[in-house]
């Protein structure tokens, strides 16, 4: 068996080249993303915070997504206290203790908090609120800006010994009426324009505290239904970014080409656009309804973002990035409708690759532990609970895939694309091994770049069922990746979305 020797993966141009040694495996260039792929895990509060945060670190994550509930921290009721100073983080009318505890726990574990601001207090909502969910109805952009300014000051790293929060997410899934309402007024879109006002006011406030703070917009949900008050994520995004799309179908090739043009003169202020690309299938699955956006649609969503940047419709002093801030699959066990755990492990690696290929720089998993079953639909953790619903330290196969993602995907002309990321997201030497029969045999060595990324396209090794990556220092190894993709198509549940 011929071997490919040490390969340097240079992410600036995303090229993998083989060493020119006699008998070296011939490699081809691989065009890919020009950035890193950091990982994050969502976290609330639990009775065992220390263990959960240690589990998140064990998953290779450097970031933790959490929430600050504006309506819980701010004064309650329909009217404000006369002495309330909303931009003062020390104002006695604020109740920060829960947020302080959570952010201190995250930072104390050596992890970086990413904070989502959600849910307006009654006094900051529009009137009449009617049947809208609490905290959703026309939240005042001005009042929101006051609150996020206070939060950014409190977690500036120089206030009463509290840690710094650099990353601020503005709202959650604003294309759903459960989080922002109304979605439409008199049959015309409303929520995207209101959200842009909320986002812009918040960005100004957060950047006024520290210009290096990072404002994340979007957080769009993946699906919509014409029968429900939602806005399709692509439509929502395009309206926030003030662009329109035109789809032209080539009659000869039957291919559809999408172009974009300005739709208005408004600009959106943010440093990162984010999305929640849940899917009704595997990692390459594309949404069945035009306008929805699953994992397989991330490249198209990135194209929309790029178009808005080119049109100067995005205001940022930073390089604008693209993130996935919520994603997961339910696993079987414990959910009988979930993805079988071994298949889930394969899909987790492939999902991370798909996201990276689409230019995603950060990928957030929905939670570290399963929720109690069957009382909760979220069997999305990287760790199980036991049969009594109590938190367990038993890891799912998906944990290793999330920590050390690696794929070996068959390509045309008997080629195999290898891609992976080291568990620490840092440079290092990686050994590639193949399994033939019961034995693992070395193929060669790759050098991961400074982000821990390695990628190459090789000739398909003969008589090989699985390929895996292993750190050259004898440490971690990836989940073995089968060259033969599963033939059976799975349909089931992903964070409560069942098909």
Protein backbone atom coordinates (compact mmCIF):
# COMPACT_ATOMS: atom_id res chain seq x y z
CA UNK A 1 0.00 0.00 0.00
CA UNK A 2 1.42 3.38 -1.02
CA UNK A 3 1.48 6.04 1.65
CA UNK A 4 1.04 9.78 1.63
CA UNK A 5 3.67 11.45 3.78
CA UNK A 6 3.48 14.55 5.94
CA UNK A 7 1.09 17.17 4.60
CA UNK A 8 0.85 20.82 5.58
CA UNK A 9 -2.69 22.20 5.44
CA UNK A 10 -2.44 25.93 4.80
CA UNK A 11 -5.81 27.44 5.68
CA UNK A 12 -5.13 30.84 4.12
CA UNK A 13 -5.57 29.28 0.69
CA UNK A 14 -7.02 26.02 2.03
CA UNK A 15 -4.68 23.80 0.04
CA UNK A 16 -3.28 20.40 0.99
CA UNK A 17 -0.15 19.30 -0.87
CA UNK A 18 1.68 16.02 -0.67
CA UNK A 19 5.39 15.73 0.05
CA UNK A 20 7.34 14.99 -3.12
CA UNK A 21 8.90 11.78 -1.90
CA UNK A 22 9.15 8.59 -3.95
CA UNK A 23 6.01 6.53 -3.55
CA UNK A 24 4.12 9.34 -1.82
CA UNK A 25 0.32 9.19 -2.11
CA UNK A 26 -0.75 11.74 -4.71
CA UNK A 27 -2.85 14.51 -3.14
CA UNK A 28 -5.09 17.07 -4.79
CA UNK A 29 -5.90 20.59 -3.75
CA UNK A 30 -8.98 21.02 -1.60
CA UNK A 31 -10.75 24.35 -1.56
CA UNK A 32 -12.34 24.97 1.81
CA UNK A 33 -13.27 27.56 4.42
CA UNK A 34 -10.67 30.17 5.29
CA UNK A 35 -11.29 30.12 9.02
CA UNK A 36 -11.27 28.02 12.16
CA UNK A 37 -14.15 26.01 13.59
CA UNK A 38 -14.60 26.65 17.30
CA UNK A 39 -17.19 24.65 19.24
CA UNK A 40 -19.59 25.64 21.99
CA UNK A 41 -22.30 23.98 24.10
CA UNK A 42 -25.50 25.54 25.47
CA UNK A 43 -25.75 25.72 29.25
CA UNK A 44 -28.35 26.88 31.74
CA UNK A 45 -28.19 26.20 35.44
CA UNK A 46 -28.31 22.81 37.11
CA UNK A 47 -27.77 21.21 40.49
CA UNK A 48 -24.36 20.06 39.28
CA UNK A 49 -22.89 23.07 37.48
CA UNK A 50 -19.28 22.11 38.08
CA UNK A 51 -19.64 18.66 36.51
CA UNK A 52 -21.63 19.96 33.54
CA UNK A 53 -19.01 22.58 32.79
CA UNK A 54 -16.24 20.00 33.10
CA UNK A 55 -18.16 17.83 30.64
CA UNK A 56 -18.36 20.77 28.24
CA UNK A 57 -14.59 21.20 28.47
CA UNK A 58 -14.16 17.45 27.91
CA UNK A 59 -16.18 17.88 24.71
CA UNK A 60 -13.44 20.17 23.37
CA UNK A 61 -15.62 23.29 23.54
CA UNK A 62 -14.02 26.63 24.27
CA UNK A 63 -17.30 28.55 24.46
CA UNK A 64 -20.60 28.23 26.33
CA UNK A 65 -23.87 29.72 25.14
CA UNK A 66 -26.15 30.89 27.94
CA UNK A 67 -29.02 33.34 28.51
CA UNK A 68 -29.85 36.52 30.36
CA UNK A 69 -33.60 36.90 30.73
CA UNK A 70 -34.24 40.63 30.57
CA UNK A 71 -37.68 40.29 32.18
CA UNK A 72 -36.19 38.43 35.16
CA UNK A 73 -33.32 40.86 35.77
CA UNK A 74 -35.24 44.12 35.20
CA UNK A 75 -37.99 45.59 37.39
CA UNK A 76 -41.31 43.81 36.96
CA UNK A 77 -44.77 45.26 36.50
CA UNK A 78 -46.18 47.58 33.88
CA UNK A 79 -44.60 50.77 35.22
CA UNK A 80 -41.01 51.60 36.11
CA UNK A 81 -39.81 52.80 39.52
CA UNK A 82 -39.29 56.56 39.49
CA UNK A 83 -35.64 56.23 40.52
CA UNK A 84 -34.71 53.56 37.97
CA UNK A 85 -31.51 54.20 35.97
CA UNK A 86 -31.65 51.54 33.25
CA UNK A 87 -28.05 51.97 32.01
CA UNK A 88 -26.58 51.70 35.49
CA UNK A 89 -25.59 48.07 36.21
CA UNK A 90 -25.50 48.86 39.94
CA UNK A 91 -29.10 50.14 40.04
CA UNK A 92 -30.81 48.50 43.00
CA UNK A 93 -33.90 47.70 40.93
CA UNK A 94 -31.94 45.15 38.90
CA UNK A 95 -31.74 41.49 40.01
CA UNK A 96 -28.49 40.14 38.57
CA UNK A 97 -27.67 37.32 40.97
CA UNK A 98 -28.68 34.38 38.74
CA UNK A 99 -26.78 35.84 35.78
CA UNK A 100 -23.75 36.65 37.95
CA UNK A 101 -23.62 33.09 39.27
CA UNK A 102 -23.93 31.53 35.82
CA UNK A 103 -21.33 33.74 34.14
CA UNK A 104 -18.90 33.36 37.03
CA UNK A 105 -19.28 29.57 36.85
CA UNK A 106 -18.61 29.55 33.09
CA UNK A 107 -15.58 31.82 33.33
CA UNK A 108 -14.30 30.02 36.43
CA UNK A 109 -14.25 26.79 34.40
CA UNK A 110 -11.97 28.43 31.84
CA UNK A 111 -14.71 28.78 29.22
CA UNK A 112 -15.85 31.84 27.27
CA UNK A 113 -19.49 32.90 27.74
CA UNK A 114 -21.72 33.75 24.78
CA UNK A 115 -24.83 35.46 26.16
CA UNK A 116 -28.24 35.58 24.49
CA UNK A 117 -30.55 38.38 25.61
CA UNK A 118 -34.22 37.31 25.60
CA UNK A 119 -37.71 38.23 26.84
CA UNK A 120 -38.77 41.84 27.45
CA UNK A 121 -40.37 42.94 30.71
CA UNK A 122 -44.00 44.04 30.44
CA UNK A 123 -43.16 47.74 30.67
CA UNK A 124 -40.82 47.44 27.65
CA UNK A 125 -43.40 45.75 25.39
CA UNK A 126 -45.74 47.48 23.00
CA UNK A 127 -49.47 47.85 23.70
CA UNK A 128 -51.90 46.26 23.36
CA UNK A 129 -50.00 43.00 23.78
CA UNK A 130 -53.06 40.82 23.26
CA UNK A 131 -52.46 37.07 23.02
CA UNK A 132 -48.73 37.28 22.25
CA UNK A 133 -46.30 35.29 24.36
CA UNK A 134 -44.88 37.18 27.32
CA UNK A 135 -41.80 39.19 26.46
CA UNK A 136 -42.28 39.08 22.68
CA UNK A 137 -44.61 41.87 21.63
CA UNK A 138 -42.79 44.78 20.02
CA UNK A 139 -39.93 44.97 22.57
CA UNK A 140 -38.76 48.57 22.73
CA UNK A 141 -35.42 48.96 20.87
CA UNK A 142 -34.55 51.92 23.11
CA UNK A 143 -35.29 50.06 26.34
CA UNK A 144 -33.40 47.01 25.05
CA UNK A 145 -30.39 49.20 24.25
CA UNK A 146 -30.45 50.57 27.80
CA UNK A 147 -30.51 47.07 29.25
CA UNK A 148 -27.74 45.62 27.09
CA UNK A 149 -25.60 48.67 27.87
CA UNK A 150 -26.02 47.93 31.59
CA UNK A 151 -25.27 44.24 31.02
CA UNK A 152 -22.17 44.99 28.94
CA UNK A 153 -20.92 47.38 31.64
CA UNK A 154 -21.57 44.85 34.40
CA UNK A 155 -19.69 42.14 32.50
CA UNK A 156 -16.97 44.42 31.14
CA UNK A 157 -14.28 42.76 33.25
CA UNK A 158 -13.87 45.86 35.39
CA UNK A 159 -17.08 45.89 37.46
CA UNK A 160 -17.03 44.51 41.01
CA UNK A 161 -14.69 41.67 40.07
CA UNK A 162 -17.16 40.07 37.66
CA UNK A 163 -15.86 38.34 34.49
CA UNK A 164 -15.98 39.88 31.05
CA UNK A 165 -18.55 38.88 28.46
CA UNK A 166 -17.39 39.72 24.96
CA UNK A 167 -20.03 37.91 22.88
CA UNK A 168 -23.65 39.14 22.89
CA UNK A 169 -26.51 37.47 21.00
CA UNK A 170 -29.51 39.69 20.40
CA UNK A 171 -32.72 37.71 20.84
CA UNK A 172 -33.52 34.09 20.05
CA UNK A 173 -35.26 32.85 16.88
CA UNK A 174 -36.91 36.20 16.09
CA UNK A 175 -38.57 34.70 13.00
CA UNK A 176 -40.92 32.78 15.32
CA UNK A 177 -43.91 34.47 16.97
CA UNK A 178 -43.04 32.65 20.21
CA UNK A 179 -40.05 35.00 20.51
CA UNK A 180 -40.99 38.10 18.50
CA UNK A 181 -44.50 39.21 17.63
CA UNK A 182 -46.31 40.14 15.56
CA UNK A 183 -44.55 38.49 12.63
CA UNK A 184 -46.81 40.32 10.19
CA UNK A 185 -49.24 43.27 10.30
CA UNK A 186 -52.13 43.46 7.82
CA UNK A 187 -50.55 40.61 5.89
CA UNK A 188 -47.20 42.39 5.47
CA UNK A 189 -43.90 41.43 7.14
CA UNK A 190 -43.27 43.27 10.37
CA UNK A 191 -40.91 41.29 12.60
CA UNK A 192 -37.78 41.53 10.39
CA UNK A 193 -37.87 45.33 10.36
CA UNK A 194 -38.61 45.57 14.09
CA UNK A 195 -35.81 43.13 14.78
CA UNK A 196 -33.37 45.22 12.74
CA UNK A 197 -34.21 48.23 14.93
CA UNK A 198 -33.64 46.11 18.07
CA UNK A 199 -30.35 44.78 16.68
CA UNK A 200 -29.02 48.18 15.62
CA UNK A 201 -29.86 49.86 18.92
CA UNK A 202 -28.27 46.98 20.84
CA UNK A 203 -25.12 46.99 18.71
CA UNK A 204 -24.58 50.70 19.31
CA UNK A 205 -25.03 50.24 23.05
CA UNK A 206 -22.76 47.18 23.35
CA UNK A 207 -20.00 48.68 21.20
CA UNK A 208 -20.18 51.93 23.19
CA UNK A 209 -18.99 49.94 26.23
CA UNK A 210 -16.17 48.22 24.34
CA UNK A 211 -15.56 48.42 20.60
CA UNK A 212 -14.09 44.90 20.72
CA UNK A 213 -17.36 43.41 21.93
CA UNK A 214 -18.98 41.09 19.40
CA UNK A 215 -22.66 41.48 18.51
CA UNK A 216 -24.38 38.42 17.05
CA UNK A 217 -27.60 38.82 15.12
CA UNK A 218 -29.99 36.39 13.51
CA UNK A 219 -30.32 33.22 15.63
CA UNK A 220 -33.02 32.29 13.14
CA UNK A 221 -35.09 29.12 13.42
CA UNK A 222 -34.88 26.77 10.39
CA UNK A 223 -38.51 26.05 9.52
CA UNK A 224 -41.70 27.89 8.79
CA UNK A 225 -45.27 26.85 8.07
CA UNK A 226 -47.74 28.99 6.17
CA UNK A 227 -50.41 28.01 8.68
CA UNK A 228 -48.48 29.50 11.60
CA UNK A 229 -47.24 33.02 12.42
CA UNK A 230 -43.61 32.51 11.44
CA UNK A 231 -41.28 33.95 8.83
CA UNK A 232 -39.06 31.69 6.72
CA UNK A 233 -35.42 32.16 7.76
CA UNK A 234 -34.21 33.21 4.32
CA UNK A 235 -37.01 35.75 3.95
CA UNK A 236 -36.39 37.05 7.45
CA UNK A 237 -32.64 37.35 6.85
CA UNK A 238 -33.04 39.08 3.50
CA UNK A 239 -35.46 41.64 4.93
CA UNK A 240 -33.21 42.38 7.90
CA UNK A 241 -30.27 42.79 5.51
CA UNK A 242 -32.37 44.81 3.06
CA UNK A 243 -31.68 42.68 -0.02
CA UNK A 244 -33.90 40.69 -2.38
CA UNK A 245 -33.22 37.54 -4.33
CA UNK A 246 -34.00 36.55 -7.90
CA UNK A 247 -33.98 32.89 -8.88
CA UNK A 248 -33.42 32.14 -12.57
CA UNK A 249 -33.79 28.59 -13.90
CA UNK A 250 -31.66 27.59 -16.89
CA UNK A 251 -33.95 25.77 -19.33
CA UNK A 252 -31.08 23.76 -20.76
CA UNK A 253 -29.18 22.66 -17.63
CA UNK A 254 -32.26 22.83 -15.35
CA UNK A 255 -30.05 24.53 -12.75
CA UNK A 256 -31.30 27.47 -10.71
CA UNK A 257 -29.06 30.49 -10.21
CA UNK A 258 -29.76 33.02 -7.47
CA UNK A 259 -28.73 36.66 -7.66
CA UNK A 260 -29.24 39.46 -5.13
CA UNK A 261 -29.93 43.17 -5.33
CA UNK A 262 -30.59 45.97 -2.81
CA UNK A 263 -34.16 46.18 -1.55
CA UNK A 264 -33.84 49.38 0.50
CA UNK A 265 -31.21 51.72 1.94
CA UNK A 266 -31.30 50.48 5.54
CA UNK A 267 -28.22 48.85 7.11
CA UNK A 268 -27.94 46.27 9.88
CA UNK A 269 -25.34 46.51 12.64
CA UNK A 270 -23.75 43.25 13.80
CA UNK A 271 -20.45 41.36 13.74
CA UNK A 272 -21.78 37.80 13.34
CA UNK A 273 -24.89 36.36 11.70
CA UNK A 274 -26.11 33.11 13.24
CA UNK A 275 -28.63 30.40 12.42
CA UNK A 276 -30.11 27.19 13.91
CA UNK A 277 -29.97 24.71 10.99
CA UNK A 278 -31.92 21.78 12.45
CA UNK A 279 -32.70 19.14 9.87
CA UNK A 280 -35.32 16.50 9.17
CA UNK A 281 -32.59 14.15 8.00
CA UNK A 282 -28.82 13.80 7.94
CA UNK A 283 -26.03 16.37 7.78
CA UNK A 284 -26.33 17.05 4.05
CA UNK A 285 -30.13 17.25 4.11
CA UNK A 286 -31.62 20.37 2.55
CA UNK A 287 -34.92 21.87 3.63
CA UNK A 288 -37.86 20.59 1.62
CA UNK A 289 -39.67 23.95 1.55
CA UNK A 290 -38.13 26.91 -0.24
CA UNK A 291 -37.15 29.56 2.29
CA UNK A 292 -36.36 27.11 5.08
CA UNK A 293 -32.72 26.47 5.98
CA UNK A 294 -31.26 23.21 7.30
CA UNK A 295 -27.64 22.06 7.46
CA UNK A 296 -27.45 21.47 3.74
CA UNK A 297 -28.56 25.06 3.08
CA UNK A 298 -25.80 26.80 5.06
CA UNK A 299 -23.78 27.55 1.93
CA UNK A 300 -26.73 29.40 0.42
CA UNK A 301 -27.26 31.32 3.66
CA UNK A 302 -23.60 32.31 3.67
CA UNK A 303 -24.09 33.57 0.08
CA UNK A 304 -26.93 35.85 1.27
CA UNK A 305 -24.68 37.22 4.02
CA UNK A 306 -21.82 37.76 1.56
CA UNK A 307 -24.14 39.60 -0.82
CA UNK A 308 -25.27 41.95 1.94
CA UNK A 309 -21.66 42.63 2.93
CA UNK A 310 -20.72 43.42 -0.68
CA UNK A 311 -23.64 45.86 -0.88
CA UNK A 312 -22.41 47.57 2.30
CA UNK A 313 -25.64 46.67 4.09
CA UNK A 314 -23.79 45.36 7.17
CA UNK A 315 -22.11 47.76 9.58
CA UNK A 316 -19.20 46.27 11.52
CA UNK A 317 -15.64 47.27 12.35
CA UNK A 318 -14.75 43.56 12.45
CA UNK A 319 -14.61 40.84 9.85
CA UNK A 320 -18.21 39.65 9.68
CA UNK A 321 -18.58 35.99 10.62
CA UNK A 322 -21.17 33.23 10.28
CA UNK A 323 -22.08 30.97 13.22
CA UNK A 324 -24.35 28.06 14.08
CA UNK A 325 -25.64 28.86 17.56
CA UNK A 326 -27.97 25.91 18.09
CA UNK A 327 -28.03 22.42 16.64
CA UNK A 328 -28.45 18.79 17.69
CA UNK A 329 -30.18 15.50 17.03
CA UNK A 330 -32.16 13.42 19.51
CA UNK A 331 -30.42 10.09 20.04
CA UNK A 332 -31.73 6.54 20.30
CA UNK A 333 -31.47 5.59 23.10
CA UNK A 334 -33.21 7.09 24.95
CA UNK A 335 -35.63 8.54 22.38
CA UNK A 336 -37.15 5.69 20.33
CA UNK A 337 -37.58 8.17 17.45
CA UNK A 338 -34.04 9.49 17.71
CA UNK A 339 -30.97 8.83 15.60
CA UNK A 340 -29.22 5.53 16.54
CA UNK A 341 -26.20 6.57 18.61
CA UNK A 342 -23.55 5.11 16.25
CA UNK A 343 -25.12 6.87 13.26
CA UNK A 344 -25.37 10.07 15.31
CA UNK A 345 -21.61 9.96 15.94
CA UNK A 346 -20.97 9.79 12.19
CA UNK A 347 -23.40 12.60 11.56
CA UNK A 348 -21.91 14.87 14.22
CA UNK A 349 -18.50 14.74 12.53
CA UNK A 350 -20.11 15.30 9.16
CA UNK A 351 -22.25 18.19 10.46
CA UNK A 352 -19.16 19.97 11.71
CA UNK A 353 -17.48 19.45 8.34
CA UNK A 354 -20.56 20.69 6.45
CA UNK A 355 -20.69 23.81 8.61
CA UNK A 356 -16.96 24.51 8.21
CA UNK A 357 -17.21 24.05 4.44
CA UNK A 358 -19.99 26.66 4.39
CA UNK A 359 -17.76 29.17 6.21
CA UNK A 360 -19.13 28.69 9.72
CA UNK A 361 -16.60 29.73 12.38
CA UNK A 362 -18.41 28.51 15.51
CA UNK A 363 -20.76 25.56 16.02
CA UNK A 364 -22.88 25.31 19.18
CA UNK A 365 -24.43 22.04 20.39
CA UNK A 366 -27.79 22.32 22.17
CA UNK A 367 -26.83 20.81 25.51
CA UNK A 368 -24.30 18.63 27.29
CA UNK A 369 -26.74 16.19 28.98
CA UNK A 370 -30.03 14.65 27.96
CA UNK A 371 -33.11 16.00 29.66
CA UNK A 372 -35.30 13.58 31.67
CA UNK A 373 -37.17 11.21 29.35
CA UNK A 374 -40.02 11.07 28.43
CA UNK A 375 -41.05 14.26 30.26
CA UNK A 376 -38.75 16.32 28.01
CA UNK A 377 -38.30 16.04 24.25
CA UNK A 378 -34.64 17.15 24.38
CA UNK A 379 -32.60 13.95 24.27
CA UNK A 380 -29.85 15.92 22.57
CA UNK A 381 -27.01 15.74 25.06
CA UNK A 382 -23.53 14.34 24.55
CA UNK A 383 -24.00 12.51 27.87
CA UNK A 384 -26.89 10.23 28.90
CA UNK A 385 -29.11 10.33 31.92
CA UNK A 386 -29.63 7.00 33.66
CA UNK A 387 -32.81 4.95 33.65
CA UNK A 388 -34.21 6.97 36.57
CA UNK A 389 -33.71 10.25 34.71
CA UNK A 390 -30.76 11.28 36.84
CA UNK A 391 -27.77 12.97 35.23
CA UNK A 392 -25.11 10.47 34.23
CA UNK A 393 -21.41 10.69 33.42
CA UNK A 394 -21.75 8.08 30.66
CA UNK A 395 -20.79 9.61 27.33
CA UNK A 396 -22.51 8.95 24.02
CA UNK A 397 -20.39 8.06 20.98
CA UNK A 398 -21.25 11.54 19.69
CA UNK A 399 -19.06 13.09 22.38
CA UNK A 400 -15.87 11.82 20.76
CA UNK A 401 -17.10 12.91 17.34
CA UNK A 402 -17.82 16.41 18.63
CA UNK A 403 -14.45 16.62 20.35
CA UNK A 404 -12.39 15.17 17.49
CA UNK A 405 -14.46 15.47 14.29
CA UNK A 406 -13.19 13.48 11.33
CA UNK A 407 -14.74 12.46 8.01
CA UNK A 408 -13.60 10.23 5.14
CA UNK A 409 -15.99 10.93 2.28
CA UNK A 410 -15.90 9.12 -1.05
CA UNK A 411 -15.39 11.39 -4.04
CA UNK A 412 -15.55 10.84 -7.80
CA UNK A 413 -12.76 8.93 -9.55
CA UNK A 414 -12.03 6.69 -6.55
CA UNK A 415 -10.88 9.53 -4.32
CA UNK A 416 -11.54 10.03 -0.60
CA UNK A 417 -11.75 13.43 1.08
CA UNK A 418 -10.27 13.45 4.58
CA UNK A 419 -11.10 16.33 6.91
CA UNK A 420 -10.80 16.78 10.62
CA UNK A 421 -10.02 19.07 13.52
CA UNK A 422 -7.83 18.29 16.52
CA UNK A 423 -9.57 18.17 19.92
CA UNK A 424 -7.75 21.29 21.12
CA UNK A 425 -8.21 23.21 17.86
CA UNK A 426 -4.44 23.72 17.72
CA UNK A 427 -1.62 22.68 15.41
CA UNK A 428 -0.22 19.18 15.67
CA UNK A 429 0.65 16.01 13.82
CA UNK A 430 -2.16 13.59 13.03
CA UNK A 431 -1.83 9.97 11.97
CA UNK A 432 -4.34 8.54 9.50
CA UNK A 433 -5.13 4.84 9.82
CA UNK A 434 -7.31 2.43 7.85
CA UNK A 435 -9.07 -0.71 8.97
CA UNK A 436 -8.89 -3.81 6.85
CA UNK A 437 -10.38 -6.83 8.53
CA UNK A 438 -9.63 -6.63 12.24
CA UNK A 439 -6.39 -4.62 11.93
CA UNK A 440 -5.67 -0.92 11.87
CA UNK A 441 -2.84 0.01 9.51
CA UNK A 442 -1.18 3.41 9.10
CA UNK A 443 -1.68 5.31 5.86
CA UNK A 444 0.33 8.42 6.64
CA UNK A 445 0.69 11.62 8.62
CA UNK A 446 -0.91 15.06 8.31
CA UNK A 447 0.03 18.33 9.92
CA UNK A 448 -2.94 20.27 11.28
CA UNK A 449 -2.71 24.04 10.89
CA UNK A 450 -2.89 26.60 13.69
CA UNK A 451 -6.65 26.09 13.97
CA UNK A 452 -6.26 22.33 14.25
CA UNK A 453 -7.76 21.79 10.78
CA UNK A 454 -6.38 19.17 8.41
CA UNK A 455 -7.75 18.19 5.01
CA UNK A 456 -6.59 16.29 1.96
CA UNK A 457 -7.98 14.25 -0.94
CA UNK A 458 -6.33 10.86 -1.50
CA UNK A 459 -6.75 7.77 -3.63
CA UNK A 460 -9.20 5.39 -1.99
CA UNK A 461 -7.23 2.75 -0.07
CA UNK A 462 -7.96 -0.79 -1.26
CA UNK A 463 -9.80 -3.26 1.00
CA UNK A 464 -10.66 -0.57 3.54
CA UNK A 465 -13.87 -0.40 5.55
CA UNK A 466 -13.03 2.40 8.01
CA UNK A 467 -10.57 5.28 8.32
CA UNK A 468 -9.77 7.21 11.50
CA UNK A 469 -7.46 9.98 12.68
CA UNK A 470 -5.24 9.79 15.75
CA UNK A 471 -2.99 12.35 17.39
CA UNK A 472 0.62 11.45 16.70
CA UNK A 473 1.56 11.84 20.35
CA UNK A 474 -0.56 8.78 21.17
CA UNK A 475 -3.48 10.75 22.59
CA UNK A 476 -7.02 11.06 21.33
CA UNK A 477 -8.39 9.33 18.26
CA UNK A 478 -11.49 10.08 16.24
CA UNK A 479 -14.53 7.86 15.81
CA UNK A 480 -13.78 5.45 12.92
CA UNK A 481 -15.54 6.72 9.81
CA UNK A 482 -17.05 4.15 7.46
CA UNK A 483 -16.31 4.67 3.78
CA UNK A 484 -19.63 3.04 2.93
CA UNK A 485 -22.34 5.52 3.89
CA UNK A 486 -25.43 4.06 5.61
CA UNK A 487 -28.00 2.99 3.04
CA UNK A 488 -31.07 3.42 5.21
CA UNK A 489 -32.45 6.93 5.35
CA UNK A 490 -33.32 7.97 8.90
CA UNK A 491 -36.26 10.16 9.81
CA UNK A 492 -37.00 11.02 13.40
CA UNK A 493 -36.59 13.83 15.88
CA UNK A 494 -34.16 16.69 16.28
CA UNK A 495 -34.72 18.78 19.42
CA UNK A 496 -38.42 18.04 19.31
CA UNK A 497 -38.80 18.42 15.52
CA UNK A 498 -40.12 15.04 14.38
CA UNK A 499 -40.91 13.76 10.90
